[in-house]
Amino acid sequence: MSTHEIIALDDRSSSSFPGDTQQAEVNEPQLITLTQKQDSDRKIHVSVIHEKVQGFLEIGYHLTCLRDEGLYRKTHTTFEAFIQDEFDFCVRHAERLIAACDCGQGVVQQL
């Protein structure tokens, strides 16, 4: 049974089929009206994201090159150690940036 169905327990006697279900009302997200400040803030956030997305994808690209070409091995035996020492973040973050780059390349090409 889905979360949107309610068993009509109180009305079983009037139903011709025991266990009939009724659809519960689902409150869909609604558009809202923003205040002038909220609208201004929204425009700033969206603008910054549009400006910075290419740089974000470039970081993922360069991390991919360092990893795949083994260029980190000049100073480190593992990519994980290189990322930690060179950039002071964990390899999981680097992997997320690389994955985002992989996903984002198609999006950027469509823009």
PDB file of N, CA and C in Angstrom:
ATOM      1  N   MET A   1       0.865  -1.184   0.000  1.00  0.00           N
ATOM      2  CA  MET A   1       0.000   0.000   0.000  1.00  0.00           C
ATOM      3  C   MET A   1       0.895   1.226   0.000  1.00  0.00           C
ATOM      4  N   SER A   2       0.597   2.198  -0.831  1.00  0.00           N
ATOM      5  CA  SER A   2       1.401   3.407  -0.880  1.00  0.00           C
ATOM      6  C   SER A   2       1.050   4.317   0.284  1.00  0.00           C
ATOM      7  N   THR A   3       1.922   5.283   0.510  1.00  0.00           N
ATOM      8  CA  THR A   3       1.681   6.215   1.606  1.00  0.00           C
ATOM      9  C   THR A   3       0.544   7.170   1.304  1.00  0.00           C
ATOM     10  N   HIS A   4       0.088   7.171   0.057  1.00  0.00           N
ATOM     11  CA  HIS A   4      -0.986   8.075  -0.332  1.00  0.00           C
ATOM     12  C   HIS A   4      -2.362   7.425  -0.238  1.00  0.00           C
ATOM     13  N   GLU A   5      -2.427   6.193   0.255  1.00  0.00           N
ATOM     14  CA  GLU A   5      -3.705   5.506   0.365  1.00  0.00           C
ATOM     15  C   GLU A   5      -4.092   5.354   1.831  1.00  0.00           C
ATOM     16  N   ILE A   6      -5.341   5.471   2.095  1.00  0.00           N
ATOM     17  CA  ILE A   6      -5.862   5.296   3.445  1.00  0.00           C
ATOM     18  C   ILE A   6      -6.920   4.210   3.395  1.00  0.00           C
ATOM     19  N   ILE A   7      -6.807   3.233   4.261  1.00  0.00           N
ATOM     20  CA  ILE A   7      -7.826   2.187   4.317  1.00  0.00           C
ATOM     21  C   ILE A   7      -9.054   2.768   4.994  1.00  0.00           C
ATOM     22  N   ALA A   8     -10.162   2.593   4.360  1.00  0.00           N
ATOM     23  CA  ALA A   8     -11.419   3.144   4.873  1.00  0.00           C
ATOM     24  C   ALA A   8     -11.964   2.223   5.954  1.00  0.00           C
ATOM     25  N   LEU A   9     -11.399   2.288   7.156  1.00  0.00           N
ATOM     26  CA  LEU A   9     -11.806   1.402   8.243  1.00  0.00           C
ATOM     27  C   LEU A   9     -13.192   1.733   8.774  1.00  0.00           C
ATOM     28  N   ASP A  10     -13.524   3.014   8.873  1.00  0.00           N
ATOM     29  CA  ASP A  10     -14.797   3.412   9.458  1.00  0.00           C
ATOM     30  C   ASP A  10     -15.969   3.137   8.529  1.00  0.00           C
ATOM     31  N   ASP A  11     -15.705   2.963   7.257  1.00  0.00           N
ATOM     32  CA  ASP A  11     -16.777   2.885   6.282  1.00  0.00           C
ATOM     33  C   ASP A  11     -16.834   1.508   5.624  1.00  0.00           C
ATOM     34  N   ARG A  12     -16.319   0.471   6.286  1.00  0.00           N
ATOM     35  CA  ARG A  12     -16.291  -0.858   5.674  1.00  0.00           C
ATOM     36  C   ARG A  12     -17.669  -1.422   5.412  1.00  0.00           C
ATOM     37  N   SER A  13     -18.612  -1.134   6.281  1.00  0.00           N
ATOM     38  CA  SER A  13     -19.939  -1.717   6.107  1.00  0.00           C
ATOM     39  C   SER A  13     -20.637  -1.189   4.856  1.00  0.00           C
ATOM     40  N   SER A  14     -20.330   0.038   4.440  1.00  0.00           N
ATOM     41  CA  SER A  14     -21.001   0.587   3.275  1.00  0.00           C
ATOM     42  C   SER A  14     -20.268   0.257   1.982  1.00  0.00           C
ATOM     43  N   SER A  15     -19.072  -0.326   2.086  1.00  0.00           N
ATOM     44  CA  SER A  15     -18.305  -0.654   0.897  1.00  0.00           C
ATOM     45  C   SER A  15     -18.684  -2.034   0.390  1.00  0.00           C
ATOM     46  N   SER A  16     -18.757  -2.185  -0.912  1.00  0.00           N
ATOM     47  CA  SER A  16     -19.070  -3.484  -1.471  1.00  0.00           C
ATOM     48  C   SER A  16     -17.830  -4.373  -1.532  1.00  0.00           C
ATOM     49  N   PHE A  17     -16.624  -3.767  -1.383  1.00  0.00           N
ATOM     50  CA  PHE A  17     -15.375  -4.518  -1.409  1.00  0.00           C
ATOM     51  C   PHE A  17     -14.581  -4.221  -0.141  1.00  0.00           C
ATOM     52  N   PRO A  18     -14.439  -5.209   0.733  1.00  0.00           N
ATOM     53  CA  PRO A  18     -13.633  -4.982   1.940  1.00  0.00           C
ATOM     54  C   PRO A  18     -12.221  -4.579   1.556  1.00  0.00           C
ATOM     55  N   GLY A  19     -11.681  -3.635   2.303  1.00  0.00           N
ATOM     56  CA  GLY A  19     -10.318  -3.191   2.037  1.00  0.00           C
ATOM     57  C   GLY A  19     -10.212  -2.131   0.966  1.00  0.00           C
ATOM     58  N   ASP A  20     -11.344  -1.574   0.511  1.00  0.00           N
ATOM     59  CA  ASP A  20     -11.282  -0.484  -0.457  1.00  0.00           C
ATOM     60  C   ASP A  20     -10.386   0.620   0.096  1.00  0.00           C
ATOM     61  N   THR A  21      -9.715   1.297  -0.780  1.00  0.00           N
ATOM     62  CA  THR A  21      -8.846   2.390  -0.350  1.00  0.00           C
ATOM     63  C   THR A  21      -9.319   3.688  -0.961  1.00  0.00           C
ATOM     64  N   GLN A  22      -8.953   4.750  -0.307  1.00  0.00           N
ATOM     65  CA  GLN A  22      -9.246   6.088  -0.812  1.00  0.00           C
ATOM     66  C   GLN A  22      -7.923   6.814  -0.964  1.00  0.00           C
ATOM     67  N   GLN A  23      -7.850   7.667  -1.928  1.00  0.00           N
ATOM     68  CA  GLN A  23      -6.650   8.464  -2.121  1.00  0.00           C
ATOM     69  C   GLN A  23      -6.631   9.625  -1.126  1.00  0.00           C
ATOM     70  N   ALA A  24      -5.535   9.749  -0.402  1.00  0.00           N
ATOM     71  CA  ALA A  24      -5.372  10.890   0.491  1.00  0.00           C
ATOM     72  C   ALA A  24      -4.979  12.091  -0.350  1.00  0.00           C
ATOM     73  N   GLU A  25      -5.351  13.249   0.111  1.00  0.00           N
ATOM     74  CA  GLU A  25      -4.953  14.452  -0.595  1.00  0.00           C
ATOM     75  C   GLU A  25      -3.454  14.645  -0.420  1.00  0.00           C
ATOM     76  N   VAL A  26      -2.778  14.921  -1.507  1.00  0.00           N
ATOM     77  CA  VAL A  26      -1.344  15.154  -1.485  1.00  0.00           C
ATOM     78  C   VAL A  26      -1.127  16.641  -1.700  1.00  0.00           C
ATOM     79  N   ASN A  27      -0.461  17.256  -0.762  1.00  0.00           N
ATOM     80  CA  ASN A  27      -0.171  18.682  -0.889  1.00  0.00           C
ATOM     81  C   ASN A  27       1.062  18.864  -1.756  1.00  0.00           C
ATOM     82  N   GLU A  28       0.844  19.338  -2.962  1.00  0.00           N
ATOM     83  CA  GLU A  28       1.943  19.596  -3.887  1.00  0.00           C
ATOM     84  C   GLU A  28       2.644  20.881  -3.484  1.00  0.00           C
ATOM     85  N   PRO A  29       3.962  20.953  -3.715  1.00  0.00           N
ATOM     86  CA  PRO A  29       4.665  22.210  -3.439  1.00  0.00           C
ATOM     87  C   PRO A  29       4.051  23.336  -4.266  1.00  0.00           C
ATOM     88  N   GLN A  30       3.956  24.489  -3.679  1.00  0.00           N
ATOM     89  CA  GLN A  30       3.361  25.643  -4.344  1.00  0.00           C
ATOM     90  C   GLN A  30       4.421  26.707  -4.601  1.00  0.00           C
ATOM     91  N   LEU A  31       4.243  27.458  -5.653  1.00  0.00           N
ATOM     92  CA  LEU A  31       5.097  28.615  -5.890  1.00  0.00           C
ATOM     93  C   LEU A  31       4.794  29.648  -4.822  1.00  0.00           C
ATOM     94  N   ILE A  32       5.808  30.407  -4.453  1.00  0.00           N
ATOM     95  CA  ILE A  32       5.616  31.426  -3.431  1.00  0.00           C
ATOM     96  C   ILE A  32       6.001  32.789  -3.973  1.00  0.00           C
ATOM     97  N   THR A  33       5.528  33.806  -3.329  1.00  0.00           N
ATOM     98  CA  THR A  33       5.912  35.169  -3.651  1.00  0.00           C
ATOM     99  C   THR A  33       7.035  35.565  -2.701  1.00  0.00           C
ATOM    100  N   LEU A  34       8.129  36.058  -3.264  1.00  0.00           N
ATOM    101  CA  LEU A  34       9.266  36.460  -2.451  1.00  0.00           C
ATOM    102  C   LEU A  34       9.186  37.940  -2.128  1.00  0.00           C
ATOM    103  N   THR A  35       9.759  38.276  -0.989  1.00  0.00           N
ATOM    104  CA  THR A  35       9.899  39.693  -0.680  1.00  0.00           C
ATOM    105  C   THR A  35      10.945  40.266  -1.629  1.00  0.00           C
ATOM    106  N   GLN A  36      11.055  41.569  -1.666  1.00  0.00           N
ATOM    107  CA  GLN A  36      12.023  42.208  -2.545  1.00  0.00           C
ATOM    108  C   GLN A  36      13.448  41.771  -2.177  1.00  0.00           C
ATOM    109  N   LYS A  37      13.749  41.678  -0.877  1.00  0.00           N
ATOM    110  CA  LYS A  37      15.081  41.252  -0.443  1.00  0.00           C
ATOM    111  C   LYS A  37      15.325  39.791  -0.811  1.00  0.00           C
ATOM    112  N   GLN A  38      14.341  38.922  -0.595  1.00  0.00           N
ATOM    113  CA  GLN A  38      14.499  37.514  -0.955  1.00  0.00           C
ATOM    114  C   GLN A  38      14.734  37.357  -2.449  1.00  0.00           C
ATOM    115  N   ASP A  39      14.003  38.120  -3.254  1.00  0.00           N
ATOM    116  CA  ASP A  39      14.161  38.040  -4.701  1.00  0.00           C
ATOM    117  C   ASP A  39      15.554  38.519  -5.108  1.00  0.00           C
ATOM    118  N   SER A  40      16.018  39.578  -4.477  1.00  0.00           N
ATOM    119  CA  SER A  40      17.365  40.088  -4.749  1.00  0.00           C
ATOM    120  C   SER A  40      18.420  39.052  -4.368  1.00  0.00           C
ATOM    121  N   ASP A  41      18.262  38.437  -3.185  1.00  0.00           N
ATOM    122  CA  ASP A  41      19.196  37.394  -2.739  1.00  0.00           C
ATOM    123  C   ASP A  41      19.185  36.207  -3.696  1.00  0.00           C
ATOM    124  N   ARG A  42      18.003  35.827  -4.132  1.00  0.00           N
ATOM    125  CA  ARG A  42      17.875  34.700  -5.064  1.00  0.00           C
ATOM    126  C   ARG A  42      18.635  34.981  -6.354  1.00  0.00           C
ATOM    127  N   LYS A  43      18.473  36.176  -6.895  1.00  0.00           N
ATOM    128  CA  LYS A  43      19.168  36.545  -8.129  1.00  0.00           C
ATOM    129  C   LYS A  43      20.678  36.490  -7.955  1.00  0.00           C
ATOM    130  N   ILE A  44      21.171  36.943  -6.820  1.00  0.00           N
ATOM    131  CA  ILE A  44      22.613  36.914  -6.546  1.00  0.00           C
ATOM    132  C   ILE A  44      23.105  35.470  -6.499  1.00  0.00           C
ATOM    133  N   HIS A  45      22.403  34.604  -5.749  1.00  0.00           N
ATOM    134  CA  HIS A  45      22.825  33.208  -5.621  1.00  0.00           C
ATOM    135  C   HIS A  45      22.837  32.509  -6.977  1.00  0.00           C
ATOM    136  N   VAL A  46      21.796  32.698  -7.754  1.00  0.00           N
ATOM    137  CA  VAL A  46      21.705  32.058  -9.076  1.00  0.00           C
ATOM    138  C   VAL A  46      22.815  32.573  -9.985  1.00  0.00           C
ATOM    139  N   SER A  47      23.070  33.869  -9.944  1.00  0.00           N
ATOM    140  CA  SER A  47      24.109  34.465 -10.774  1.00  0.00           C
ATOM    141  C   SER A  47      25.490  33.914 -10.426  1.00  0.00           C
ATOM    142  N   VAL A  48      25.790  33.821  -9.145  1.00  0.00           N
ATOM    143  CA  VAL A  48      27.092  33.293  -8.715  1.00  0.00           C
ATOM    144  C   VAL A  48      27.252  31.849  -9.155  1.00  0.00           C
ATOM    145  N   ILE A  49      26.209  31.058  -9.013  1.00  0.00           N
ATOM    146  CA  ILE A  49      26.288  29.653  -9.426  1.00  0.00           C
ATOM    147  C   ILE A  49      26.565  29.558 -10.923  1.00  0.00           C
ATOM    148  N   HIS A  50      25.864  30.354 -11.725  1.00  0.00           N
ATOM    149  CA  HIS A  50      26.103  30.339 -13.172  1.00  0.00           C
ATOM    150  C   HIS A  50      27.536  30.747 -13.489  1.00  0.00           C
ATOM    151  N   GLU A  51      28.068  31.738 -12.786  1.00  0.00           N
ATOM    152  CA  GLU A  51      29.437  32.208 -13.023  1.00  0.00           C
ATOM    153  C   GLU A  51      30.474  31.174 -12.608  1.00  0.00           C
ATOM    154  N   LYS A  52      30.249  30.465 -11.513  1.00  0.00           N
ATOM    155  CA  LYS A  52      31.261  29.590 -10.927  1.00  0.00           C
ATOM    156  C   LYS A  52      31.191  28.147 -11.386  1.00  0.00           C
ATOM    157  N   VAL A  53      30.128  27.721 -12.008  1.00  0.00           N
ATOM    158  CA  VAL A  53      29.978  26.313 -12.358  1.00  0.00           C
ATOM    159  C   VAL A  53      31.102  25.841 -13.271  1.00  0.00           C
ATOM    160  N   GLN A  54      31.562  26.654 -14.170  1.00  0.00           N
ATOM    161  CA  GLN A  54      32.636  26.241 -15.075  1.00  0.00           C
ATOM    162  C   GLN A  54      33.918  25.985 -14.293  1.00  0.00           C
ATOM    163  N   GLY A  55      34.233  26.836 -13.328  1.00  0.00           N
ATOM    164  CA  GLY A  55      35.421  26.628 -12.499  1.00  0.00           C
ATOM    165  C   GLY A  55      35.328  25.349 -11.688  1.00  0.00           C
ATOM    166  N   PHE A  56      34.153  25.077 -11.194  1.00  0.00           N
ATOM    167  CA  PHE A  56      33.894  23.859 -10.429  1.00  0.00           C
ATOM    168  C   PHE A  56      34.160  22.633 -11.292  1.00  0.00           C
ATOM    169  N   LEU A  57      33.685  22.661 -12.530  1.00  0.00           N
ATOM    170  CA  LEU A  57      33.896  21.548 -13.448  1.00  0.00           C
ATOM    171  C   LEU A  57      35.363  21.427 -13.837  1.00  0.00           C
ATOM    172  N   GLU A  58      36.040  22.553 -13.954  1.00  0.00           N
ATOM    173  CA  GLU A  58      37.463  22.529 -14.289  1.00  0.00           C
ATOM    174  C   GLU A  58      38.279  21.869 -13.180  1.00  0.00           C
ATOM    175  N   ILE A  59      37.930  22.118 -11.936  1.00  0.00           N
ATOM    176  CA  ILE A  59      38.622  21.476 -10.823  1.00  0.00           C
ATOM    177  C   ILE A  59      38.474  19.965 -10.940  1.00  0.00           C
ATOM    178  N   GLY A  60      37.272  19.494 -11.195  1.00  0.00           N
ATOM    179  CA  GLY A  60      37.046  18.067 -11.368  1.00  0.00           C
ATOM    180  C   GLY A  60      37.840  17.501 -12.525  1.00  0.00           C
ATOM    181  N   TYR A  61      37.923  18.251 -13.606  1.00  0.00           N
ATOM    182  CA  TYR A  61      38.699  17.814 -14.771  1.00  0.00           C
ATOM    183  C   TYR A  61      40.174  17.654 -14.422  1.00  0.00           C
ATOM    184  N   HIS A  62      40.737  18.644 -13.757  1.00  0.00           N
ATOM    185  CA  HIS A  62      42.165  18.597 -13.427  1.00  0.00           C
ATOM    186  C   HIS A  62      42.469  17.519 -12.391  1.00  0.00           C
ATOM    187  N   LEU A  63      41.567  17.310 -11.457  1.00  0.00           N
ATOM    188  CA  LEU A  63      41.743  16.206 -10.516  1.00  0.00           C
ATOM    189  C   LEU A  63      41.723  14.861 -11.250  1.00  0.00           C
ATOM    190  N   THR A  64      40.835  14.739 -12.234  1.00  0.00           N
ATOM    191  CA  THR A  64      40.771  13.516 -13.037  1.00  0.00           C
ATOM    192  C   THR A  64      42.092  13.270 -13.753  1.00  0.00           C
ATOM    193  N   CYS A  65      42.645  14.320 -14.349  1.00  0.00           N
ATOM    194  CA  CYS A  65      43.927  14.177 -15.055  1.00  0.00           C
ATOM    195  C   CYS A  65      45.035  13.749 -14.106  1.00  0.00           C
ATOM    196  N   LEU A  66      45.123  14.411 -12.949  1.00  0.00           N
ATOM    197  CA  LEU A  66      46.150  14.052 -11.968  1.00  0.00           C
ATOM    198  C   LEU A  66      46.030  12.594 -11.550  1.00  0.00           C
ATOM    199  N   ARG A  67      44.804  12.154 -11.324  1.00  0.00           N
ATOM    200  CA  ARG A  67      44.566  10.782 -10.886  1.00  0.00           C
ATOM    201  C   ARG A  67      44.817   9.777 -12.007  1.00  0.00           C
ATOM    202  N   ASP A  68      44.169   9.992 -13.147  1.00  0.00           N
ATOM    203  CA  ASP A  68      44.209   9.004 -14.222  1.00  0.00           C
ATOM    204  C   ASP A  68      45.580   8.884 -14.886  1.00  0.00           C
ATOM    205  N   GLU A  69      46.294   9.990 -14.946  1.00  0.00           N
ATOM    206  CA  GLU A  69      47.623   9.969 -15.564  1.00  0.00           C
ATOM    207  C   GLU A  69      48.726   9.663 -14.549  1.00  0.00           C
ATOM    208  N   GLY A  70      48.353   9.515 -13.289  1.00  0.00           N
ATOM    209  CA  GLY A  70      49.327   9.184 -12.247  1.00  0.00           C
ATOM    210  C   GLY A  70      50.310  10.307 -11.946  1.00  0.00           C
ATOM    211  N   LEU A  71      49.927  11.537 -12.255  1.00  0.00           N
ATOM    212  CA  LEU A  71      50.850  12.661 -12.088  1.00  0.00           C
ATOM    213  C   LEU A  71      51.147  12.973 -10.625  1.00  0.00           C
ATOM    214  N   TYR A  72      50.330  12.484  -9.725  1.00  0.00           N
ATOM    215  CA  TYR A  72      50.562  12.663  -8.298  1.00  0.00           C
ATOM    216  C   TYR A  72      51.788  11.880  -7.817  1.00  0.00           C
ATOM    217  N   ARG A  73      52.242  10.894  -8.607  1.00  0.00           N
ATOM    218  CA  ARG A  73      53.311   9.998  -8.164  1.00  0.00           C
ATOM    219  C   ARG A  73      54.690  10.632  -8.163  1.00  0.00           C
ATOM    220  N   LYS A  74      54.805  11.863  -8.603  1.00  0.00           N
ATOM    221  CA  LYS A  74      56.092  12.550  -8.478  1.00  0.00           C
ATOM    222  C   LYS A  74      56.436  12.754  -7.006  1.00  0.00           C
ATOM    223  N   THR A  75      55.417  13.005  -6.183  1.00  0.00           N
ATOM    224  CA  THR A  75      55.652  13.300  -4.766  1.00  0.00           C
ATOM    225  C   THR A  75      54.956  12.341  -3.809  1.00  0.00           C
ATOM    226  N   HIS A  76      53.990  11.569  -4.287  1.00  0.00           N
ATOM    227  CA  HIS A  76      53.203  10.704  -3.410  1.00  0.00           C
ATOM    228  C   HIS A  76      52.960   9.346  -4.069  1.00  0.00           C
ATOM    229  N   THR A  77      52.859   8.334  -3.238  1.00  0.00           N
ATOM    230  CA  THR A  77      52.609   6.992  -3.778  1.00  0.00           C
ATOM    231  C   THR A  77      51.126   6.726  -4.010  1.00  0.00           C
ATOM    232  N   THR A  78      50.264   7.511  -3.351  1.00  0.00           N
ATOM    233  CA  THR A  78      48.824   7.330  -3.548  1.00  0.00           C
ATOM    234  C   THR A  78      48.158   8.663  -3.854  1.00  0.00           C
ATOM    235  N   PHE A  79      47.084   8.569  -4.616  1.00  0.00           N
ATOM    236  CA  PHE A  79      46.283   9.755  -4.924  1.00  0.00           C
ATOM    237  C   PHE A  79      45.684  10.335  -3.652  1.00  0.00           C
ATOM    238  N   GLU A  80      45.265   9.459  -2.731  1.00  0.00           N
ATOM    239  CA  GLU A  80      44.667   9.889  -1.474  1.00  0.00           C
ATOM    240  C   GLU A  80      45.616  10.769  -0.679  1.00  0.00           C
ATOM    241  N   ALA A  81      46.866  10.326  -0.539  1.00  0.00           N
ATOM    242  CA  ALA A  81      47.861  11.102   0.215  1.00  0.00           C
ATOM    243  C   ALA A  81      48.157  12.427  -0.486  1.00  0.00           C
ATOM    244  N   PHE A  82      48.230  12.392  -1.800  1.00  0.00           N
ATOM    245  CA  PHE A  82      48.482  13.617  -2.572  1.00  0.00           C
ATOM    246  C   PHE A  82      47.381  14.647  -2.337  1.00  0.00           C
ATOM    247  N   ILE A  83      46.145  14.214  -2.424  1.00  0.00           N
ATOM    248  CA  ILE A  83      45.007  15.115  -2.233  1.00  0.00           C
ATOM    249  C   ILE A  83      45.036  15.722  -0.833  1.00  0.00           C
ATOM    250  N   GLN A  84      45.276  14.882   0.166  1.00  0.00           N
ATOM    251  CA  GLN A  84      45.304  15.359   1.557  1.00  0.00           C
ATOM    252  C   GLN A  84      46.427  16.378   1.756  1.00  0.00           C
ATOM    253  N   ASP A  85      47.620  16.064   1.287  1.00  0.00           N
ATOM    254  CA  ASP A  85      48.770  16.951   1.498  1.00  0.00           C
ATOM    255  C   ASP A  85      48.706  18.214   0.645  1.00  0.00           C
ATOM    256  N   GLU A  86      48.331  18.053  -0.588  1.00  0.00           N
ATOM    257  CA  GLU A  86      48.376  19.189  -1.525  1.00  0.00           C
ATOM    258  C   GLU A  86      47.205  20.152  -1.350  1.00  0.00           C
ATOM    259  N   PHE A  87      46.016  19.624  -1.114  1.00  0.00           N
ATOM    260  CA  PHE A  87      44.819  20.462  -1.102  1.00  0.00           C
ATOM    261  C   PHE A  87      44.112  20.499   0.244  1.00  0.00           C
ATOM    262  N   ASP A  88      44.556  19.669   1.175  1.00  0.00           N
ATOM    263  CA  ASP A  88      43.993  19.616   2.528  1.00  0.00           C
ATOM    264  C   ASP A  88      42.509  19.271   2.530  1.00  0.00           C
ATOM    265  N   PHE A  89      42.117  18.368   1.651  1.00  0.00           N
ATOM    266  CA  PHE A  89      40.797  17.775   1.758  1.00  0.00           C
ATOM    267  C   PHE A  89      40.883  16.287   1.473  1.00  0.00           C
ATOM    268  N   CYS A  90      39.866  15.551   1.881  1.00  0.00           N
ATOM    269  CA  CYS A  90      39.898  14.091   1.771  1.00  0.00           C
ATOM    270  C   CYS A  90      39.631  13.657   0.332  1.00  0.00           C
ATOM    271  N   VAL A  91      40.035  12.440   0.046  1.00  0.00           N
ATOM    272  CA  VAL A  91      39.862  11.910  -1.301  1.00  0.00           C
ATOM    273  C   VAL A  91      38.390  11.787  -1.666  1.00  0.00           C
ATOM    274  N   ARG A  92      37.518  11.614  -0.678  1.00  0.00           N
ATOM    275  CA  ARG A  92      36.080  11.535  -0.980  1.00  0.00           C
ATOM    276  C   ARG A  92      35.590  12.845  -1.604  1.00  0.00           C
ATOM    277  N   HIS A  93      36.111  13.960  -1.123  1.00  0.00           N
ATOM    278  CA  HIS A  93      35.725  15.244  -1.710  1.00  0.00           C
ATOM    279  C   HIS A  93      36.239  15.333  -3.143  1.00  0.00           C
ATOM    280  N   ALA A  94      37.476  14.898  -3.362  1.00  0.00           N
ATOM    281  CA  ALA A  94      38.031  14.895  -4.719  1.00  0.00           C
ATOM    282  C   ALA A  94      37.184  14.012  -5.635  1.00  0.00           C
ATOM    283  N   GLU A  95      36.770  12.858  -5.141  1.00  0.00           N
ATOM    284  CA  GLU A  95      35.940  11.962  -5.947  1.00  0.00           C
ATOM    285  C   GLU A  95      34.588  12.583  -6.273  1.00  0.00           C
ATOM    286  N   ARG A  96      34.033  13.341  -5.326  1.00  0.00           N
ATOM    287  CA  ARG A  96      32.760  14.031  -5.606  1.00  0.00           C
ATOM    288  C   ARG A  96      32.949  15.093  -6.684  1.00  0.00           C
ATOM    289  N   LEU A  97      34.064  15.819  -6.623  1.00  0.00           N
ATOM    290  CA  LEU A  97      34.339  16.834  -7.645  1.00  0.00           C
ATOM    291  C   LEU A  97      34.532  16.184  -9.009  1.00  0.00           C
ATOM    292  N   ILE A  98      35.221  15.048  -9.025  1.00  0.00           N
ATOM    293  CA  ILE A  98      35.430  14.319 -10.274  1.00  0.00           C
ATOM    294  C   ILE A  98      34.091  13.814 -10.820  1.00  0.00           C
ATOM    295  N   ALA A  99      33.263  13.253  -9.957  1.00  0.00           N
ATOM    296  CA  ALA A  99      31.952  12.762 -10.389  1.00  0.00           C
ATOM    297  C   ALA A  99      31.078  13.904 -10.898  1.00  0.00           C
ATOM    298  N   ALA A 100      31.141  15.041 -10.222  1.00  0.00           N
ATOM    299  CA  ALA A 100      30.367  16.201 -10.665  1.00  0.00           C
ATOM    300  C   ALA A 100      30.836  16.661 -12.038  1.00  0.00           C
ATOM    301  N   CYS A 101      32.129  16.611 -12.251  1.00  0.00           N
ATOM    302  CA  CYS A 101      32.678  16.987 -13.555  1.00  0.00           C
ATOM    303  C   CYS A 101      32.174  16.037 -14.624  1.00  0.00           C
ATOM    304  N   ASP A 102      32.203  14.737 -14.322  1.00  0.00           N
ATOM    305  CA  ASP A 102      31.722  13.747 -15.290  1.00  0.00           C
ATOM    306  C   ASP A 102      30.262  14.000 -15.651  1.00  0.00           C
ATOM    307  N   CYS A 103      29.447  14.296 -14.653  1.00  0.00           N
ATOM    308  CA  CYS A 103      28.022  14.557 -14.891  1.00  0.00           C
ATOM    309  C   CYS A 103      27.808  15.901 -15.562  1.00  0.00           C
ATOM    310  N   GLY A 104      28.594  16.875 -15.176  1.00  0.00           N
ATOM    311  CA  GLY A 104      28.390  18.241 -15.641  1.00  0.00           C
ATOM    312  C   GLY A 104      28.860  18.515 -17.043  1.00  0.00           C
ATOM    313  N   GLN A 105      29.736  17.697 -17.577  1.00  0.00           N
ATOM    314  CA  GLN A 105      30.247  17.962 -18.931  1.00  0.00           C
ATOM    315  C   GLN A 105      29.126  18.003 -19.953  1.00  0.00           C
ATOM    316  N   GLY A 106      28.202  17.102 -19.866  1.00  0.00           N
ATOM    317  CA  GLY A 106      27.072  17.097 -20.800  1.00  0.00           C
ATOM    318  C   GLY A 106      26.182  18.308 -20.622  1.00  0.00           C
ATOM    319  N   VAL A 107      26.009  18.741 -19.391  1.00  0.00           N
ATOM    320  CA  VAL A 107      25.183  19.914 -19.121  1.00  0.00           C
ATOM    321  C   VAL A 107      25.814  21.152 -19.703  1.00  0.00           C
ATOM    322  N   VAL A 108      27.120  21.331 -19.487  1.00  0.00           N
ATOM    323  CA  VAL A 108      27.806  22.515 -19.996  1.00  0.00           C
ATOM    324  C   VAL A 108      27.785  22.534 -21.517  1.00  0.00           C
ATOM    325  N   GLN A 109      27.938  21.379 -22.135  1.00  0.00           N
ATOM    326  CA  GLN A 109      27.922  21.331 -23.589  1.00  0.00           C
ATOM    327  C   GLN A 109      26.554  21.716 -24.151  1.00  0.00           C
ATOM    328  N   GLN A 110      25.493  21.486 -23.367  1.00  0.00           N
ATOM    329  CA  GLN A 110      24.151  21.840 -23.819  1.00  0.00           C
ATOM    330  C   GLN A 110      23.865  23.325 -23.662  1.00  0.00           C
ATOM    331  N   LEU A 111      24.596  24.007 -22.789  1.00  0.00           N
ATOM    332  CA  LEU A 111      24.322  25.438 -22.525  1.00  0.00           C
ATOM    333  C   LEU A 111      24.708  26.319 -23.678  1.00  0.00           C
TER     334      LEU A 111
END
